[in-house]
């Protein structure tokens, strides 16, 4: 069983819960374990919040795109924006993802995504600008799942 969907959303805080609800509804309907669904929905919310906050200048009409794939035993989510992208990591180095200091009000999003997902990929969109955060997680299914992967 494969399910996928893609949304193009405005860079507005109201778009974040919309993407989260769609993901949760899809996973509930498919029969994904609620704990896995919750982890992925929090990770998605953080990625969307980053796209809303950092995904372009205030005059930009470009929104951001969320794509989710439930394929077999894995869910992969990608959030891409049209902003300035991430600063270069340097030759041969990965971009560090660190937890923010306890008193910080921002800066926890990428760290939370990394903790909630199995694999996280952070990169810039080649040629068009913008950032892409993609992450995946192995799915667990409820015993009564109507759309269990085979």
N, C-alpha and C. Protein backbone atom coordinates (compact mmCIF):
# COMPACT_ATOMS: atom_id res chain seq x y z
N UNK A 1 0.85 -1.18 0.00
CA UNK A 1 0.00 0.00 0.00
C UNK A 1 0.89 1.23 0.00
N UNK A 2 0.62 2.14 -0.91
CA UNK A 2 1.31 3.42 -0.96
C UNK A 2 0.29 4.54 -0.96
N UNK A 3 0.57 5.55 -0.17
CA UNK A 3 -0.25 6.76 -0.13
C UNK A 3 0.72 7.93 -0.20
N UNK A 4 0.39 8.93 -1.01
CA UNK A 4 1.19 10.14 -0.99
C UNK A 4 0.29 11.33 -1.28
N UNK A 5 0.72 12.46 -0.76
CA UNK A 5 0.02 13.72 -1.01
C UNK A 5 1.04 14.85 -0.95
N UNK A 6 0.66 15.95 -1.60
CA UNK A 6 1.53 17.11 -1.62
C UNK A 6 0.68 18.36 -1.50
N UNK A 7 1.13 19.30 -0.71
CA UNK A 7 0.43 20.56 -0.50
C UNK A 7 1.36 21.71 -0.84
N UNK A 8 0.82 22.75 -1.44
CA UNK A 8 1.54 24.00 -1.60
C UNK A 8 0.84 25.00 -0.70
N UNK A 9 1.54 25.47 0.32
CA UNK A 9 0.93 26.30 1.36
C UNK A 9 1.53 27.70 1.39
N UNK A 10 0.71 28.66 1.82
CA UNK A 10 1.22 30.02 2.02
C UNK A 10 2.08 30.04 3.28
N UNK A 11 3.05 30.95 3.27
CA UNK A 11 3.90 31.11 4.45
C UNK A 11 3.14 31.89 5.51
N UNK A 12 2.26 31.18 6.16
CA UNK A 12 1.40 31.76 7.18
C UNK A 12 1.30 30.74 8.31
N UNK A 13 1.32 31.21 9.54
CA UNK A 13 1.28 30.30 10.68
C UNK A 13 0.06 29.39 10.66
N UNK A 14 -1.04 29.84 10.07
CA UNK A 14 -2.26 29.02 10.01
C UNK A 14 -2.09 27.79 9.13
N UNK A 15 -1.08 27.77 8.28
CA UNK A 15 -0.87 26.61 7.41
C UNK A 15 -0.27 25.42 8.15
N UNK A 16 0.40 25.67 9.26
CA UNK A 16 1.08 24.60 9.99
C UNK A 16 0.08 23.57 10.53
N UNK A 17 -0.96 23.97 11.26
CA UNK A 17 -1.91 22.95 11.74
C UNK A 17 -2.66 22.25 10.61
N UNK A 18 -2.84 22.92 9.49
CA UNK A 18 -3.50 22.27 8.35
C UNK A 18 -2.69 21.07 7.88
N UNK A 19 -1.39 21.26 7.67
CA UNK A 19 -0.53 20.16 7.24
C UNK A 19 -0.50 19.06 8.30
N UNK A 20 -0.42 19.45 9.55
CA UNK A 20 -0.37 18.46 10.64
C UNK A 20 -1.65 17.63 10.68
N UNK A 21 -2.81 18.27 10.57
CA UNK A 21 -4.09 17.54 10.62
C UNK A 21 -4.23 16.59 9.45
N UNK A 22 -3.79 17.02 8.27
CA UNK A 22 -3.87 16.14 7.10
C UNK A 22 -3.00 14.90 7.31
N UNK A 23 -1.79 15.09 7.83
CA UNK A 23 -0.92 13.95 8.10
C UNK A 23 -1.55 13.02 9.14
N UNK A 24 -2.03 13.58 10.24
CA UNK A 24 -2.64 12.75 11.28
C UNK A 24 -3.86 11.99 10.76
N UNK A 25 -4.69 12.66 9.97
CA UNK A 25 -5.87 12.00 9.41
C UNK A 25 -5.50 10.87 8.47
N UNK A 26 -4.49 11.11 7.64
CA UNK A 26 -4.04 10.07 6.71
C UNK A 26 -3.53 8.86 7.48
N UNK A 27 -2.72 9.10 8.49
CA UNK A 27 -2.13 8.00 9.25
C UNK A 27 -3.18 7.24 10.06
N UNK A 28 -4.13 7.97 10.62
CA UNK A 28 -5.19 7.31 11.37
C UNK A 28 -6.02 6.42 10.45
N UNK A 29 -6.38 6.94 9.29
CA UNK A 29 -7.16 6.18 8.33
C UNK A 29 -6.41 4.93 7.86
N UNK A 30 -5.11 5.07 7.65
CA UNK A 30 -4.30 3.94 7.19
C UNK A 30 -4.06 2.91 8.30
N UNK A 31 -4.16 3.34 9.56
CA UNK A 31 -3.95 2.41 10.67
C UNK A 31 -2.58 2.45 11.29
N UNK A 32 -1.88 3.58 11.13
CA UNK A 32 -0.55 3.74 11.73
C UNK A 32 -0.70 3.88 13.24
N UNK A 33 0.23 3.30 13.97
CA UNK A 33 0.25 3.39 15.43
C UNK A 33 0.21 4.86 15.86
N UNK A 34 -0.65 5.22 16.82
CA UNK A 34 -0.79 6.64 17.22
C UNK A 34 0.50 7.29 17.72
N UNK A 35 1.38 6.54 18.38
CA UNK A 35 2.63 7.14 18.86
C UNK A 35 3.54 7.55 17.70
N UNK A 36 3.60 6.72 16.68
CA UNK A 36 4.39 7.05 15.49
C UNK A 36 3.77 8.26 14.78
N UNK A 37 2.44 8.25 14.65
CA UNK A 37 1.75 9.37 14.02
C UNK A 37 2.03 10.67 14.76
N UNK A 38 1.99 10.63 16.08
CA UNK A 38 2.24 11.83 16.88
C UNK A 38 3.66 12.34 16.65
N UNK A 39 4.65 11.44 16.72
CA UNK A 39 6.04 11.86 16.51
C UNK A 39 6.22 12.54 15.16
N UNK A 40 5.66 11.93 14.12
CA UNK A 40 5.80 12.51 12.79
C UNK A 40 5.04 13.82 12.65
N UNK A 41 3.91 13.94 13.33
CA UNK A 41 3.14 15.19 13.23
C UNK A 41 3.87 16.34 13.93
N UNK A 42 4.54 16.05 15.03
CA UNK A 42 5.34 17.09 15.70
C UNK A 42 6.52 17.49 14.82
N UNK A 43 7.20 16.50 14.25
CA UNK A 43 8.32 16.79 13.36
C UNK A 43 7.86 17.62 12.16
N UNK A 44 6.71 17.26 11.59
CA UNK A 44 6.18 18.03 10.46
C UNK A 44 5.85 19.46 10.89
N UNK A 45 5.25 19.62 12.05
CA UNK A 45 4.93 20.96 12.54
C UNK A 45 6.19 21.81 12.67
N UNK A 46 7.25 21.23 13.17
CA UNK A 46 8.51 21.98 13.31
C UNK A 46 9.09 22.36 11.95
N UNK A 47 9.06 21.43 11.00
CA UNK A 47 9.58 21.73 9.66
C UNK A 47 8.75 22.82 8.99
N UNK A 48 7.43 22.74 9.13
CA UNK A 48 6.56 23.77 8.54
C UNK A 48 6.78 25.13 9.22
N UNK A 49 6.92 25.13 10.53
CA UNK A 49 7.17 26.38 11.25
C UNK A 49 8.47 27.02 10.78
N UNK A 50 9.50 26.21 10.52
CA UNK A 50 10.76 26.74 9.99
C UNK A 50 10.55 27.35 8.61
N UNK A 51 9.77 26.68 7.76
CA UNK A 51 9.51 27.21 6.42
C UNK A 51 8.74 28.52 6.49
N UNK A 52 7.79 28.61 7.40
CA UNK A 52 7.01 29.84 7.56
C UNK A 52 7.92 30.97 8.03
N UNK A 53 8.77 30.68 8.99
CA UNK A 53 9.61 31.73 9.57
C UNK A 53 10.80 32.11 8.70
N UNK A 54 11.43 31.12 8.08
CA UNK A 54 12.70 31.38 7.38
C UNK A 54 12.61 31.18 5.87
N UNK A 55 11.44 30.84 5.33
CA UNK A 55 11.30 30.41 3.95
C UNK A 55 11.23 31.49 2.90
N UNK A 56 11.60 32.69 3.18
CA UNK A 56 11.60 33.75 2.18
C UNK A 56 11.42 35.10 2.85
N UNK A 57 11.62 36.16 2.06
CA UNK A 57 11.41 37.48 2.64
C UNK A 57 9.92 37.79 2.70
N UNK A 58 9.57 38.81 3.43
CA UNK A 58 8.15 39.11 3.65
C UNK A 58 7.43 39.53 2.38
N UNK A 59 8.16 39.95 1.34
CA UNK A 59 7.52 40.36 0.09
C UNK A 59 7.36 39.20 -0.88
N UNK A 60 7.93 38.07 -0.54
CA UNK A 60 7.87 36.92 -1.44
C UNK A 60 6.47 36.33 -1.46
N UNK A 61 5.99 36.03 -2.65
CA UNK A 61 4.67 35.41 -2.76
C UNK A 61 4.79 33.88 -2.77
N UNK A 62 6.01 33.38 -2.82
CA UNK A 62 6.20 31.93 -2.81
C UNK A 62 5.84 31.36 -1.46
N UNK A 63 5.17 30.26 -1.48
CA UNK A 63 4.85 29.56 -0.25
C UNK A 63 5.88 28.47 -0.01
N UNK A 64 5.42 27.39 0.54
CA UNK A 64 6.28 26.24 0.74
C UNK A 64 5.50 24.98 0.41
N UNK A 65 6.21 23.89 0.19
CA UNK A 65 5.58 22.65 -0.23
C UNK A 65 5.85 21.56 0.80
N UNK A 66 4.80 20.81 1.10
CA UNK A 66 4.88 19.65 1.99
C UNK A 66 4.46 18.43 1.19
N UNK A 67 5.28 17.41 1.21
CA UNK A 67 4.96 16.16 0.53
C UNK A 67 5.16 15.02 1.53
N UNK A 68 4.20 14.12 1.57
CA UNK A 68 4.28 12.97 2.47
C UNK A 68 4.06 11.69 1.67
N UNK A 69 4.89 10.69 1.94
CA UNK A 69 4.78 9.38 1.30
C UNK A 69 4.67 8.33 2.40
N UNK A 70 3.63 7.55 2.38
CA UNK A 70 3.53 6.36 3.21
C UNK A 70 3.68 5.21 2.25
N UNK A 71 4.79 4.52 2.33
CA UNK A 71 5.08 3.48 1.36
C UNK A 71 5.60 2.25 2.09
N UNK A 72 4.79 1.21 2.12
CA UNK A 72 5.22 0.00 2.79
C UNK A 72 5.35 0.24 4.28
N UNK A 73 6.54 0.08 4.77
CA UNK A 73 6.79 0.20 6.20
C UNK A 73 7.42 1.53 6.60
N UNK A 74 7.43 2.50 5.69
CA UNK A 74 8.11 3.77 6.00
C UNK A 74 7.26 4.95 5.58
N UNK A 75 7.39 6.04 6.34
CA UNK A 75 6.81 7.32 5.97
C UNK A 75 7.96 8.29 5.74
N UNK A 76 7.90 8.99 4.62
CA UNK A 76 8.90 10.02 4.32
C UNK A 76 8.16 11.33 4.10
N UNK A 77 8.65 12.38 4.74
CA UNK A 77 8.04 13.70 4.65
C UNK A 77 9.12 14.68 4.19
N UNK A 78 8.71 15.57 3.29
CA UNK A 78 9.63 16.59 2.78
C UNK A 78 8.95 17.95 2.84
N UNK A 79 9.67 18.94 3.36
CA UNK A 79 9.19 20.31 3.41
C UNK A 79 10.24 21.16 2.69
N UNK A 80 9.80 21.85 1.63
CA UNK A 80 10.71 22.66 0.82
C UNK A 80 10.19 24.09 0.76
N UNK A 81 11.09 25.05 0.94
CA UNK A 81 10.70 26.45 0.86
C UNK A 81 11.52 27.18 -0.19
N UNK A 82 11.25 28.46 -0.37
CA UNK A 82 11.93 29.26 -1.38
C UNK A 82 12.79 30.35 -0.75
N UNK A 83 13.21 30.15 0.48
CA UNK A 83 14.00 31.14 1.19
C UNK A 83 15.46 31.10 0.82
N UNK A 84 16.31 31.66 1.67
CA UNK A 84 17.73 31.74 1.38
C UNK A 84 18.47 30.41 1.53
N UNK A 85 17.83 29.43 2.12
CA UNK A 85 18.49 28.15 2.33
C UNK A 85 19.37 28.17 3.57
N UNK A 86 20.04 27.06 3.78
CA UNK A 86 20.93 26.93 4.92
C UNK A 86 22.31 27.45 4.56
N UNK A 87 23.06 27.97 5.54
CA UNK A 87 24.42 28.40 5.24
C UNK A 87 25.26 27.19 4.83
N UNK A 88 26.27 27.41 4.01
CA UNK A 88 27.11 26.28 3.57
C UNK A 88 27.70 25.55 4.76
N UNK A 89 27.77 24.24 4.63
CA UNK A 89 28.30 23.41 5.72
C UNK A 89 29.82 23.35 5.69
N UNK A 90 30.40 23.68 4.58
CA UNK A 90 31.85 23.56 4.46
C UNK A 90 32.21 22.26 3.79
N UNK A 91 33.38 22.20 3.30
CA UNK A 91 33.83 21.04 2.53
C UNK A 91 33.89 19.79 3.38
N UNK A 92 33.14 18.78 2.97
CA UNK A 92 33.18 17.48 3.64
C UNK A 92 32.51 17.43 5.00
N UNK A 93 31.86 18.52 5.41
CA UNK A 93 31.21 18.52 6.73
C UNK A 93 29.72 18.56 6.56
N UNK A 94 29.03 17.94 7.50
CA UNK A 94 27.58 18.01 7.53
C UNK A 94 27.16 19.24 8.32
N UNK A 95 25.95 19.68 8.07
CA UNK A 95 25.41 20.80 8.84
C UNK A 95 25.13 20.32 10.26
N UNK A 96 25.67 20.99 11.25
CA UNK A 96 25.41 20.54 12.62
C UNK A 96 23.97 20.86 13.03
N UNK A 97 23.36 19.93 13.72
CA UNK A 97 22.03 20.15 14.28
C UNK A 97 22.20 19.97 15.79
N UNK A 98 22.12 21.08 16.49
CA UNK A 98 22.32 21.07 17.94
C UNK A 98 21.08 21.56 18.64
N UNK A 99 20.92 21.10 19.87
CA UNK A 99 19.81 21.58 20.69
C UNK A 99 20.09 23.03 21.09
N UNK A 100 19.06 23.82 21.15
CA UNK A 100 19.19 25.21 21.59
C UNK A 100 19.42 25.23 23.10
N UNK A 101 19.96 26.32 23.57
CA UNK A 101 20.15 26.46 25.02
C UNK A 101 18.79 26.51 25.69
N UNK A 102 18.74 26.12 26.94
CA UNK A 102 17.48 26.00 27.67
C UNK A 102 16.68 27.30 27.69
N UNK A 103 17.36 28.44 27.77
CA UNK A 103 16.64 29.71 27.85
C UNK A 103 16.25 30.28 26.47
N UNK A 104 16.68 29.64 25.39
CA UNK A 104 16.37 30.13 24.04
C UNK A 104 14.90 29.91 23.71
N UNK A 105 14.32 30.87 23.00
CA UNK A 105 12.92 30.75 22.59
C UNK A 105 12.80 30.16 21.19
N UNK A 106 13.88 30.06 20.46
CA UNK A 106 13.87 29.51 19.10
C UNK A 106 15.05 28.56 18.97
N UNK A 107 15.07 27.81 17.88
CA UNK A 107 16.25 27.02 17.58
C UNK A 107 16.15 25.55 17.93
N UNK A 108 14.98 25.08 18.29
CA UNK A 108 14.85 23.67 18.66
C UNK A 108 14.27 22.80 17.55
N UNK A 109 13.75 23.40 16.50
CA UNK A 109 13.01 22.67 15.47
C UNK A 109 13.78 21.54 14.82
N UNK A 110 14.94 21.84 14.24
CA UNK A 110 15.70 20.80 13.56
C UNK A 110 16.17 19.72 14.52
N UNK A 111 16.51 20.12 15.72
CA UNK A 111 16.91 19.14 16.73
C UNK A 111 15.75 18.20 17.07
N UNK A 112 14.55 18.76 17.26
CA UNK A 112 13.39 17.92 17.55
C UNK A 112 13.09 16.97 16.40
N UNK A 113 13.17 17.45 15.18
CA UNK A 113 12.94 16.59 14.02
C UNK A 113 13.92 15.43 14.04
N UNK A 114 15.18 15.74 14.31
CA UNK A 114 16.21 14.70 14.34
C UNK A 114 15.93 13.66 15.43
N UNK A 115 15.41 14.11 16.56
CA UNK A 115 15.12 13.18 17.66
C UNK A 115 13.87 12.34 17.41
N UNK A 116 12.91 12.86 16.66
CA UNK A 116 11.64 12.17 16.44
C UNK A 116 11.63 11.25 15.22
N UNK A 117 12.51 11.50 14.26
CA UNK A 117 12.54 10.72 13.03
C UNK A 117 13.72 9.75 13.05
N UNK A 118 13.69 8.78 12.13
CA UNK A 118 14.79 7.82 12.03
C UNK A 118 15.95 8.37 11.21
N UNK A 119 15.64 9.07 10.13
CA UNK A 119 16.67 9.67 9.27
C UNK A 119 16.22 11.07 8.89
N UNK A 120 17.16 12.01 8.92
CA UNK A 120 16.87 13.40 8.58
C UNK A 120 17.89 13.85 7.54
N UNK A 121 17.40 14.53 6.49
CA UNK A 121 18.26 15.07 5.45
C UNK A 121 17.95 16.56 5.34
N UNK A 122 18.98 17.37 5.46
CA UNK A 122 18.84 18.82 5.38
C UNK A 122 19.73 19.30 4.25
N UNK A 123 19.12 20.01 3.30
CA UNK A 123 19.91 20.46 2.15
C UNK A 123 19.28 21.72 1.55
N UNK A 124 20.00 22.32 0.65
CA UNK A 124 19.47 23.44 -0.12
C UNK A 124 18.98 22.91 -1.45
N UNK A 125 17.95 23.57 -1.99
CA UNK A 125 17.44 23.19 -3.31
C UNK A 125 18.42 23.66 -4.37
N UNK A 126 18.89 22.76 -5.19
CA UNK A 126 19.86 23.17 -6.21
C UNK A 126 19.21 24.05 -7.28
N UNK A 127 19.89 25.13 -7.62
CA UNK A 127 19.46 25.98 -8.71
C UNK A 127 18.35 26.95 -8.40
N UNK A 128 17.38 26.57 -7.58
CA UNK A 128 16.21 27.43 -7.35
C UNK A 128 16.26 28.16 -6.02
N UNK A 129 17.16 27.82 -5.18
CA UNK A 129 17.22 28.42 -3.86
C UNK A 129 16.19 27.81 -2.93
N UNK A 130 16.38 28.03 -1.67
CA UNK A 130 15.47 27.49 -0.69
C UNK A 130 16.06 26.29 0.02
N UNK A 131 15.40 25.90 1.09
CA UNK A 131 15.85 24.78 1.91
C UNK A 131 14.89 23.61 1.76
N UNK A 132 15.42 22.42 1.97
CA UNK A 132 14.62 21.20 1.97
C UNK A 132 14.98 20.42 3.23
N UNK A 133 13.95 20.12 4.01
CA UNK A 133 14.11 19.25 5.18
C UNK A 133 13.27 18.02 4.90
N UNK A 134 13.92 16.87 4.86
CA UNK A 134 13.17 15.63 4.66
C UNK A 134 13.54 14.67 5.79
N UNK A 135 12.56 13.88 6.17
CA UNK A 135 12.80 12.93 7.25
C UNK A 135 11.89 11.73 7.06
N UNK A 136 12.33 10.61 7.60
CA UNK A 136 11.51 9.41 7.50
C UNK A 136 11.53 8.64 8.80
N UNK A 137 10.56 7.75 8.91
CA UNK A 137 10.42 6.93 10.11
C UNK A 137 9.77 5.61 9.71
N UNK A 138 10.25 4.54 10.31
CA UNK A 138 9.64 3.23 10.10
C UNK A 138 8.29 3.23 10.80
N UNK A 139 7.29 2.72 10.10
CA UNK A 139 5.93 2.72 10.63
C UNK A 139 5.63 1.46 11.44
N UNK A 140 4.81 1.63 12.43
CA UNK A 140 4.21 0.51 13.16
C UNK A 140 2.71 0.65 12.92
N UNK A 141 2.02 -0.48 12.89
CA UNK A 141 0.60 -0.49 12.55
C UNK A 141 -0.24 -0.96 13.72
N UNK A 142 -1.44 -0.41 13.82
CA UNK A 142 -2.40 -0.92 14.79
C UNK A 142 -2.81 -2.32 14.36
N UNK A 143 -3.24 -3.11 15.31
CA UNK A 143 -3.67 -4.47 14.96
C UNK A 143 -4.89 -4.47 14.06
N UNK A 144 -5.74 -3.47 14.19
CA UNK A 144 -6.97 -3.39 13.37
C UNK A 144 -6.78 -2.50 12.14
N UNK A 145 -5.55 -2.28 11.73
CA UNK A 145 -5.26 -1.37 10.62
C UNK A 145 -5.93 -1.84 9.33
N UNK A 146 -6.75 -0.96 8.72
CA UNK A 146 -7.43 -1.36 7.49
C UNK A 146 -6.52 -1.39 6.26
N UNK A 147 -5.44 -0.62 6.27
CA UNK A 147 -4.58 -0.51 5.11
C UNK A 147 -3.16 -1.00 5.41
N UNK A 148 -3.04 -2.07 6.16
CA UNK A 148 -1.72 -2.57 6.57
C UNK A 148 -0.88 -2.87 5.33
N UNK A 149 0.38 -2.44 5.40
CA UNK A 149 1.32 -2.70 4.32
C UNK A 149 1.62 -4.19 4.27
N UNK A 150 1.78 -4.68 3.05
CA UNK A 150 2.06 -6.11 2.89
C UNK A 150 3.48 -6.26 2.42
